[in-house]
């Protein structure tokens, strides 16, 4: 066996077991990621527009992403206020026109969170307004579900 082959094999025998025992996960202790699914119930009225605010009232979060809802009318990611993100809250709004608007309970958005620390966050979710395609305010209820 030549000298280069011997050095290579020795290196492999030393490096591979060391690398095999390394933890390459990117998660830090006390940091996890979770989605928060936002639902709006417009009853029997068609939903064309909404605006809401979400913030954590306990625990520490960072908002790391926003995606649209399940219904085709709100599939695209909604608009949000980037300056509010600096305060660990978010203001989100969307407006759609057309004939294919949802009625009843509809998932309108998913907010992706980085949860920092071991405390389970508590959230405050406020609906500012919900409206129909004619621009008229409609009664609606907003809620969230924690995802995995």
N, C-alpha and C. Protein backbone atom coordinates (compact mmCIF):
# COMPACT_ATOMS: atom_id res chain seq x y z
N UNK A 1 0.87 -1.17 0.00
CA UNK A 1 0.00 0.00 0.00
C UNK A 1 0.91 1.22 0.00
N UNK A 2 0.61 2.19 -0.86
CA UNK A 2 1.47 3.37 -0.90
C UNK A 2 1.11 4.32 0.24
N UNK A 3 1.94 5.30 0.43
CA UNK A 3 1.82 6.23 1.56
C UNK A 3 0.53 7.06 1.47
N UNK A 4 0.14 7.51 0.30
CA UNK A 4 -1.06 8.34 0.13
C UNK A 4 -2.31 7.54 0.47
N UNK A 5 -2.38 6.31 0.00
CA UNK A 5 -3.53 5.46 0.31
C UNK A 5 -3.61 5.20 1.81
N UNK A 6 -2.50 4.97 2.43
CA UNK A 6 -2.47 4.72 3.87
C UNK A 6 -2.96 5.94 4.67
N UNK A 7 -2.54 7.13 4.27
CA UNK A 7 -2.98 8.36 4.94
C UNK A 7 -4.48 8.55 4.73
N UNK A 8 -4.95 8.32 3.52
CA UNK A 8 -6.37 8.48 3.22
C UNK A 8 -7.21 7.53 4.07
N UNK A 9 -6.86 6.26 4.11
CA UNK A 9 -7.62 5.28 4.88
C UNK A 9 -7.60 5.60 6.37
N UNK A 10 -6.47 6.04 6.88
CA UNK A 10 -6.38 6.43 8.29
C UNK A 10 -7.29 7.62 8.57
N UNK A 11 -7.30 8.60 7.67
CA UNK A 11 -8.15 9.78 7.83
C UNK A 11 -9.62 9.39 7.83
N UNK A 12 -10.02 8.53 6.91
CA UNK A 12 -11.40 8.09 6.83
C UNK A 12 -11.80 7.36 8.10
N UNK A 13 -10.92 6.50 8.61
CA UNK A 13 -11.23 5.74 9.82
C UNK A 13 -11.38 6.65 11.04
N UNK A 14 -10.72 7.78 11.05
CA UNK A 14 -10.80 8.72 12.18
C UNK A 14 -11.96 9.70 11.99
N UNK A 15 -12.15 10.25 10.79
CA UNK A 15 -13.14 11.30 10.56
C UNK A 15 -14.56 10.76 10.52
N UNK A 16 -14.81 9.65 9.87
CA UNK A 16 -16.17 9.14 9.71
C UNK A 16 -16.85 8.88 11.05
N UNK A 17 -16.20 8.20 12.03
CA UNK A 17 -16.88 8.02 13.31
C UNK A 17 -17.15 9.34 14.04
N UNK A 18 -16.29 10.31 13.90
CA UNK A 18 -16.50 11.61 14.53
C UNK A 18 -17.70 12.31 13.90
N UNK A 19 -17.79 12.31 12.58
CA UNK A 19 -18.90 12.93 11.89
C UNK A 19 -20.23 12.22 12.18
N UNK A 20 -20.19 10.93 12.34
CA UNK A 20 -21.41 10.17 12.58
C UNK A 20 -22.04 10.53 13.92
N UNK A 21 -21.24 11.00 14.87
CA UNK A 21 -21.76 11.34 16.20
C UNK A 21 -22.15 12.80 16.33
N UNK A 22 -22.06 13.58 15.27
CA UNK A 22 -22.41 14.99 15.32
C UNK A 22 -23.91 15.18 15.17
N UNK A 23 -24.45 16.20 15.86
CA UNK A 23 -25.86 16.57 15.72
C UNK A 23 -25.91 17.74 14.75
N UNK A 24 -26.48 17.53 13.58
CA UNK A 24 -26.52 18.56 12.54
C UNK A 24 -27.85 19.29 12.50
N UNK A 25 -28.70 19.09 13.50
CA UNK A 25 -29.99 19.78 13.49
C UNK A 25 -29.76 21.28 13.65
N UNK A 26 -30.63 22.05 13.03
CA UNK A 26 -30.51 23.51 13.09
C UNK A 26 -31.29 24.08 14.26
N UNK A 27 -32.04 23.25 14.95
CA UNK A 27 -32.84 23.74 16.07
C UNK A 27 -31.94 24.04 17.26
N UNK A 28 -32.25 25.16 17.89
CA UNK A 28 -31.56 25.52 19.12
C UNK A 28 -32.45 25.11 20.28
N UNK A 29 -31.85 24.88 21.46
CA UNK A 29 -32.68 24.54 22.61
C UNK A 29 -33.69 25.66 22.88
N UNK A 30 -34.94 25.27 23.14
CA UNK A 30 -35.97 26.25 23.46
C UNK A 30 -36.51 27.00 22.26
N UNK A 31 -36.22 26.56 21.04
CA UNK A 31 -36.75 27.20 19.84
C UNK A 31 -37.47 26.14 19.02
N UNK A 32 -38.71 26.47 18.64
CA UNK A 32 -39.46 25.55 17.79
C UNK A 32 -40.29 26.36 16.81
N UNK A 33 -40.78 25.71 15.78
CA UNK A 33 -41.58 26.36 14.76
C UNK A 33 -42.96 25.73 14.73
N UNK A 34 -43.98 26.57 14.55
CA UNK A 34 -45.35 26.06 14.52
C UNK A 34 -46.23 26.99 13.70
N UNK A 35 -47.21 26.42 13.00
CA UNK A 35 -48.16 27.25 12.26
C UNK A 35 -49.37 27.59 13.14
N UNK A 36 -49.98 28.70 12.83
CA UNK A 36 -51.22 29.12 13.46
C UNK A 36 -52.21 29.35 12.31
N UNK A 37 -53.27 28.54 12.25
CA UNK A 37 -54.25 28.62 11.18
C UNK A 37 -55.36 29.59 11.60
N UNK A 38 -55.66 30.55 10.75
CA UNK A 38 -56.65 31.58 11.04
C UNK A 38 -57.93 31.29 10.25
N UNK A 39 -59.06 31.29 10.96
CA UNK A 39 -60.36 31.01 10.36
C UNK A 39 -61.29 32.20 10.56
N UNK A 40 -62.12 32.44 9.55
CA UNK A 40 -63.13 33.48 9.65
C UNK A 40 -64.47 32.87 9.28
N UNK A 41 -65.47 33.11 10.11
CA UNK A 41 -66.81 32.58 9.84
C UNK A 41 -67.72 33.74 9.49
N UNK A 42 -68.15 33.78 8.23
CA UNK A 42 -69.02 34.86 7.75
C UNK A 42 -70.49 34.44 7.72
N UNK A 43 -70.79 33.31 8.31
CA UNK A 43 -72.17 32.82 8.31
C UNK A 43 -72.63 32.52 6.90
N UNK A 44 -73.82 33.01 6.54
CA UNK A 44 -74.34 32.75 5.19
C UNK A 44 -74.01 33.87 4.21
N UNK A 45 -73.15 34.80 4.60
CA UNK A 45 -72.74 35.92 3.73
C UNK A 45 -71.44 35.58 3.01
N UNK A 46 -71.29 36.04 1.79
CA UNK A 46 -70.05 35.85 1.03
C UNK A 46 -68.97 36.75 1.59
N UNK A 47 -67.79 36.18 1.78
CA UNK A 47 -66.65 36.92 2.32
C UNK A 47 -65.76 37.38 1.18
N UNK A 48 -65.57 38.71 1.06
CA UNK A 48 -64.71 39.26 0.02
C UNK A 48 -63.50 40.00 0.59
N UNK A 49 -63.59 40.44 1.84
CA UNK A 49 -62.50 41.23 2.42
C UNK A 49 -62.43 41.01 3.92
N UNK A 50 -61.22 41.15 4.44
CA UNK A 50 -61.03 41.08 5.89
C UNK A 50 -59.76 41.82 6.28
N UNK A 51 -59.68 42.17 7.55
CA UNK A 51 -58.46 42.69 8.15
C UNK A 51 -58.45 42.25 9.60
N UNK A 52 -57.31 41.74 10.06
CA UNK A 52 -57.19 41.33 11.45
C UNK A 52 -55.79 41.60 11.98
N UNK A 53 -55.66 41.54 13.29
CA UNK A 53 -54.36 41.71 13.96
C UNK A 53 -54.14 40.53 14.89
N UNK A 54 -52.90 40.04 14.91
CA UNK A 54 -52.50 38.97 15.80
C UNK A 54 -51.26 39.39 16.55
N UNK A 55 -51.23 39.12 17.85
CA UNK A 55 -50.02 39.34 18.63
C UNK A 55 -49.99 38.34 19.77
N UNK A 56 -48.81 38.13 20.30
CA UNK A 56 -48.65 37.26 21.46
C UNK A 56 -48.79 38.11 22.72
N UNK A 57 -49.62 37.66 23.65
CA UNK A 57 -49.78 38.38 24.92
C UNK A 57 -48.93 37.74 26.01
N UNK A 58 -48.47 36.53 25.76
CA UNK A 58 -47.56 35.84 26.68
C UNK A 58 -46.66 34.95 25.84
N UNK A 59 -45.44 34.77 26.29
CA UNK A 59 -44.48 33.99 25.53
C UNK A 59 -43.80 34.87 24.50
N UNK A 60 -42.78 34.33 23.88
CA UNK A 60 -42.01 35.10 22.90
C UNK A 60 -42.09 34.40 21.55
N UNK A 61 -42.52 35.17 20.52
CA UNK A 61 -42.63 34.63 19.16
C UNK A 61 -41.96 35.56 18.17
N UNK A 62 -41.63 35.00 17.03
CA UNK A 62 -41.24 35.77 15.85
C UNK A 62 -42.09 35.23 14.72
N UNK A 63 -42.65 36.13 13.94
CA UNK A 63 -43.44 35.72 12.78
C UNK A 63 -42.48 35.54 11.62
N UNK A 64 -42.44 34.31 11.09
CA UNK A 64 -41.45 33.99 10.06
C UNK A 64 -42.07 33.73 8.68
N UNK A 65 -43.39 33.73 8.59
CA UNK A 65 -44.01 33.51 7.29
C UNK A 65 -45.52 33.65 7.34
N UNK A 66 -46.09 33.97 6.19
CA UNK A 66 -47.54 34.09 6.05
C UNK A 66 -47.93 33.44 4.73
N UNK A 67 -48.94 32.60 4.78
CA UNK A 67 -49.45 32.02 3.54
C UNK A 67 -50.96 32.15 3.50
N UNK A 68 -51.50 31.97 2.33
CA UNK A 68 -52.94 32.14 2.11
C UNK A 68 -53.76 31.02 2.72
N UNK A 69 -55.06 31.09 2.46
CA UNK A 69 -56.00 30.14 3.03
C UNK A 69 -56.31 28.99 2.11
N UNK A 70 -57.37 28.25 2.45
CA UNK A 70 -57.74 27.06 1.69
C UNK A 70 -58.64 27.36 0.50
N UNK A 71 -59.57 28.29 0.66
CA UNK A 71 -60.50 28.61 -0.43
C UNK A 71 -59.76 29.32 -1.55
N UNK A 72 -60.13 29.03 -2.78
CA UNK A 72 -59.46 29.62 -3.95
C UNK A 72 -59.40 31.15 -3.89
N UNK A 73 -60.43 31.79 -3.35
CA UNK A 73 -60.46 33.25 -3.30
C UNK A 73 -59.34 33.82 -2.43
N UNK A 74 -58.89 33.06 -1.43
CA UNK A 74 -57.86 33.55 -0.51
C UNK A 74 -56.63 32.67 -0.50
N UNK A 75 -56.39 31.99 -1.61
CA UNK A 75 -55.24 31.09 -1.75
C UNK A 75 -53.90 31.85 -1.73
N UNK A 76 -53.89 33.03 -2.35
CA UNK A 76 -52.65 33.82 -2.36
C UNK A 76 -52.37 34.36 -0.97
N UNK A 77 -51.09 34.57 -0.68
CA UNK A 77 -50.71 35.14 0.61
C UNK A 77 -51.34 36.52 0.76
N UNK A 78 -51.91 36.81 1.91
CA UNK A 78 -52.53 38.12 2.11
C UNK A 78 -51.48 39.21 2.32
N UNK A 79 -51.93 40.44 2.26
CA UNK A 79 -51.06 41.58 2.52
C UNK A 79 -50.87 41.74 4.02
N UNK A 80 -49.69 42.22 4.42
CA UNK A 80 -49.46 42.47 5.83
C UNK A 80 -48.57 43.69 6.00
N UNK A 81 -48.61 44.24 7.19
CA UNK A 81 -47.85 45.44 7.53
C UNK A 81 -46.47 45.02 8.03
N UNK A 82 -45.40 45.22 7.24
CA UNK A 82 -44.07 44.79 7.66
C UNK A 82 -43.56 45.52 8.90
N UNK A 83 -43.99 46.76 9.12
CA UNK A 83 -43.51 47.49 10.29
C UNK A 83 -44.08 46.90 11.58
N UNK A 84 -45.23 46.27 11.50
CA UNK A 84 -45.80 45.64 12.69
C UNK A 84 -45.00 44.41 13.10
N UNK A 85 -44.33 43.76 12.15
CA UNK A 85 -43.54 42.58 12.47
C UNK A 85 -42.42 42.88 13.45
N UNK A 86 -41.89 44.09 13.40
CA UNK A 86 -40.82 44.48 14.31
C UNK A 86 -41.30 44.51 15.75
N UNK A 87 -42.60 44.56 15.95
CA UNK A 87 -43.18 44.60 17.29
C UNK A 87 -43.81 43.24 17.65
N UNK A 88 -43.41 42.18 16.95
CA UNK A 88 -43.92 40.83 17.16
C UNK A 88 -45.43 40.75 17.13
N UNK A 89 -46.00 41.47 16.19
CA UNK A 89 -47.43 41.39 15.91
C UNK A 89 -47.57 41.51 14.40
N UNK A 90 -48.76 41.22 13.91
CA UNK A 90 -48.96 41.31 12.48
C UNK A 90 -50.38 41.79 12.20
N UNK A 91 -50.50 42.65 11.22
CA UNK A 91 -51.79 43.12 10.72
C UNK A 91 -51.91 42.60 9.29
N UNK A 92 -52.95 41.83 9.04
CA UNK A 92 -53.13 41.16 7.75
C UNK A 92 -54.46 41.57 7.14
N UNK A 93 -54.46 41.75 5.81
CA UNK A 93 -55.69 42.13 5.11
C UNK A 93 -55.71 41.50 3.72
N UNK A 94 -56.90 41.25 3.24
CA UNK A 94 -57.08 40.74 1.87
C UNK A 94 -58.43 41.21 1.34
N UNK A 95 -58.49 41.36 0.01
CA UNK A 95 -59.73 41.74 -0.65
C UNK A 95 -59.79 41.00 -1.97
N UNK A 96 -60.87 40.32 -2.23
CA UNK A 96 -61.05 39.58 -3.48
C UNK A 96 -62.41 39.93 -4.07
N UNK A 97 -62.46 39.94 -5.39
CA UNK A 97 -63.73 40.14 -6.08
C UNK A 97 -64.00 38.91 -6.93
N UNK A 98 -65.19 38.82 -7.41
CA UNK A 98 -65.54 37.68 -8.25
C UNK A 98 -66.73 36.95 -7.67
N UNK A 99 -67.16 35.94 -8.38
CA UNK A 99 -68.34 35.21 -7.97
C UNK A 99 -68.07 34.04 -7.05
N UNK A 100 -66.85 33.58 -7.02
CA UNK A 100 -66.52 32.40 -6.23
C UNK A 100 -65.93 32.82 -4.89
N UNK A 101 -66.79 33.30 -4.00
CA UNK A 101 -66.35 33.75 -2.67
C UNK A 101 -66.86 32.78 -1.62
N UNK A 102 -66.07 32.57 -0.56
CA UNK A 102 -66.49 31.60 0.46
C UNK A 102 -67.60 32.13 1.36
N UNK A 103 -68.35 31.20 1.92
CA UNK A 103 -69.35 31.49 2.94
C UNK A 103 -69.06 30.56 4.11
N UNK A 104 -69.48 30.98 5.29
CA UNK A 104 -69.30 30.13 6.47
C UNK A 104 -67.87 30.18 6.98
N UNK A 105 -67.49 29.12 7.67
CA UNK A 105 -66.14 29.05 8.28
C UNK A 105 -65.11 28.72 7.20
N UNK A 106 -64.13 29.60 7.05
CA UNK A 106 -63.12 29.46 6.00
C UNK A 106 -61.74 29.75 6.57
N UNK A 107 -60.77 28.90 6.24
CA UNK A 107 -59.39 29.21 6.63
C UNK A 107 -58.89 30.31 5.70
N UNK A 108 -58.54 31.46 6.27
CA UNK A 108 -58.13 32.60 5.45
C UNK A 108 -56.62 32.80 5.40
N UNK A 109 -55.89 32.23 6.35
CA UNK A 109 -54.44 32.42 6.36
C UNK A 109 -53.79 31.42 7.31
N UNK A 110 -52.49 31.21 7.12
CA UNK A 110 -51.66 30.48 8.07
C UNK A 110 -50.46 31.35 8.37
N UNK A 111 -50.21 31.53 9.65
CA UNK A 111 -49.06 32.33 10.09
C UNK A 111 -48.04 31.37 10.68
N UNK A 112 -46.83 31.42 10.17
CA UNK A 112 -45.77 30.54 10.65
C UNK A 112 -44.97 31.28 11.71
N UNK A 113 -44.79 30.62 12.85
CA UNK A 113 -44.16 31.25 14.01
C UNK A 113 -42.90 30.51 14.43
N UNK A 114 -41.95 31.28 14.91
CA UNK A 114 -40.81 30.74 15.65
C UNK A 114 -41.13 31.03 17.11
N UNK A 115 -41.25 29.99 17.90
CA UNK A 115 -41.56 30.14 19.32
C UNK A 115 -40.26 30.00 20.09
N UNK A 116 -39.94 31.02 20.87
CA UNK A 116 -38.67 31.08 21.58
C UNK A 116 -38.92 30.83 23.06
N UNK A 117 -38.20 29.88 23.61
CA UNK A 117 -38.38 29.54 25.02
C UNK A 117 -39.35 28.40 25.20
N UNK A 118 -39.50 27.99 26.44
CA UNK A 118 -40.34 26.84 26.74
C UNK A 118 -41.79 27.22 27.04
N UNK A 119 -42.05 28.50 27.28
CA UNK A 119 -43.42 28.94 27.59
C UNK A 119 -44.30 28.83 26.35
N UNK A 120 -45.49 28.31 26.54
CA UNK A 120 -46.45 28.23 25.44
C UNK A 120 -47.06 29.62 25.25
N UNK A 121 -46.95 30.20 24.06
CA UNK A 121 -47.49 31.54 23.84
C UNK A 121 -49.00 31.58 23.97
N UNK A 122 -49.48 32.74 24.36
CA UNK A 122 -50.91 33.02 24.34
C UNK A 122 -51.10 34.14 23.33
N UNK A 123 -52.19 34.07 22.57
CA UNK A 123 -52.39 34.97 21.45
C UNK A 123 -53.63 35.83 21.63
N UNK A 124 -53.55 37.02 21.07
CA UNK A 124 -54.72 37.90 20.97
C UNK A 124 -54.99 38.10 19.49
N UNK A 125 -56.19 37.76 19.08
CA UNK A 125 -56.58 37.85 17.67
C UNK A 125 -57.80 38.75 17.59
N UNK A 126 -57.66 39.85 16.85
CA UNK A 126 -58.76 40.83 16.73
C UNK A 126 -59.13 41.02 15.27
N UNK A 127 -60.40 40.86 14.99
CA UNK A 127 -60.92 41.15 13.65
C UNK A 127 -61.25 42.63 13.58
N UNK A 128 -60.63 43.34 12.65
CA UNK A 128 -60.92 44.76 12.45
C UNK A 128 -62.18 44.92 11.61
N UNK A 129 -62.26 44.14 10.52
CA UNK A 129 -63.42 44.26 9.64
C UNK A 129 -63.50 43.04 8.73
N UNK A 130 -64.72 42.71 8.33
CA UNK A 130 -64.98 41.73 7.28
C UNK A 130 -66.02 42.35 6.36
N UNK A 131 -65.89 42.09 5.06
CA UNK A 131 -66.81 42.71 4.12
C UNK A 131 -67.20 41.81 2.98
N UNK A 132 -68.28 42.20 2.32
CA UNK A 132 -68.74 41.44 1.16
C UNK A 132 -68.23 42.10 -0.12
N UNK A 133 -68.61 41.56 -1.27
CA UNK A 133 -68.12 42.05 -2.56
C UNK A 133 -68.61 43.46 -2.89
N UNK A 134 -69.68 43.91 -2.23
CA UNK A 134 -70.19 45.27 -2.43
C UNK A 134 -69.51 46.29 -1.52
N UNK A 135 -68.55 45.82 -0.74
CA UNK A 135 -67.85 46.73 0.16
C UNK A 135 -68.60 47.01 1.45
N UNK A 136 -69.62 46.23 1.73
CA UNK A 136 -70.40 46.41 2.95
C UNK A 136 -69.84 45.53 4.05
N UNK A 137 -69.76 46.11 5.24
CA UNK A 137 -69.29 45.35 6.39
C UNK A 137 -70.28 44.25 6.73
N UNK A 138 -69.75 43.08 7.05
CA UNK A 138 -70.60 41.95 7.42
C UNK A 138 -70.17 41.44 8.80
N UNK A 139 -71.12 40.88 9.55
CA UNK A 139 -70.74 40.29 10.83
C UNK A 139 -69.95 39.00 10.59
N UNK A 140 -68.91 38.83 11.37
CA UNK A 140 -68.07 37.62 11.21
C UNK A 140 -67.33 37.37 12.52
N UNK A 141 -66.92 36.14 12.69
CA UNK A 141 -66.15 35.76 13.86
C UNK A 141 -64.83 35.17 13.39
N UNK A 142 -63.75 35.52 14.11
CA UNK A 142 -62.43 35.06 13.77
C UNK A 142 -61.91 34.16 14.88
N UNK A 143 -61.15 33.15 14.49
CA UNK A 143 -60.58 32.19 15.45
C UNK A 143 -59.29 31.64 14.89
N UNK A 144 -58.53 30.97 15.73
CA UNK A 144 -57.30 30.32 15.28
C UNK A 144 -57.23 28.92 15.84
N UNK A 145 -56.43 28.09 15.17
CA UNK A 145 -56.11 26.75 15.64
C UNK A 145 -54.60 26.58 15.54
N UNK A 146 -54.02 26.02 16.57
CA UNK A 146 -52.58 25.74 16.56
C UNK A 146 -52.34 24.51 15.71
N UNK A 147 -51.32 24.57 14.89
CA UNK A 147 -50.97 23.45 14.02
C UNK A 147 -49.73 22.75 14.51
N UNK A 148 -49.41 21.67 13.85
CA UNK A 148 -48.21 20.90 14.17
C UNK A 148 -47.12 21.24 13.21
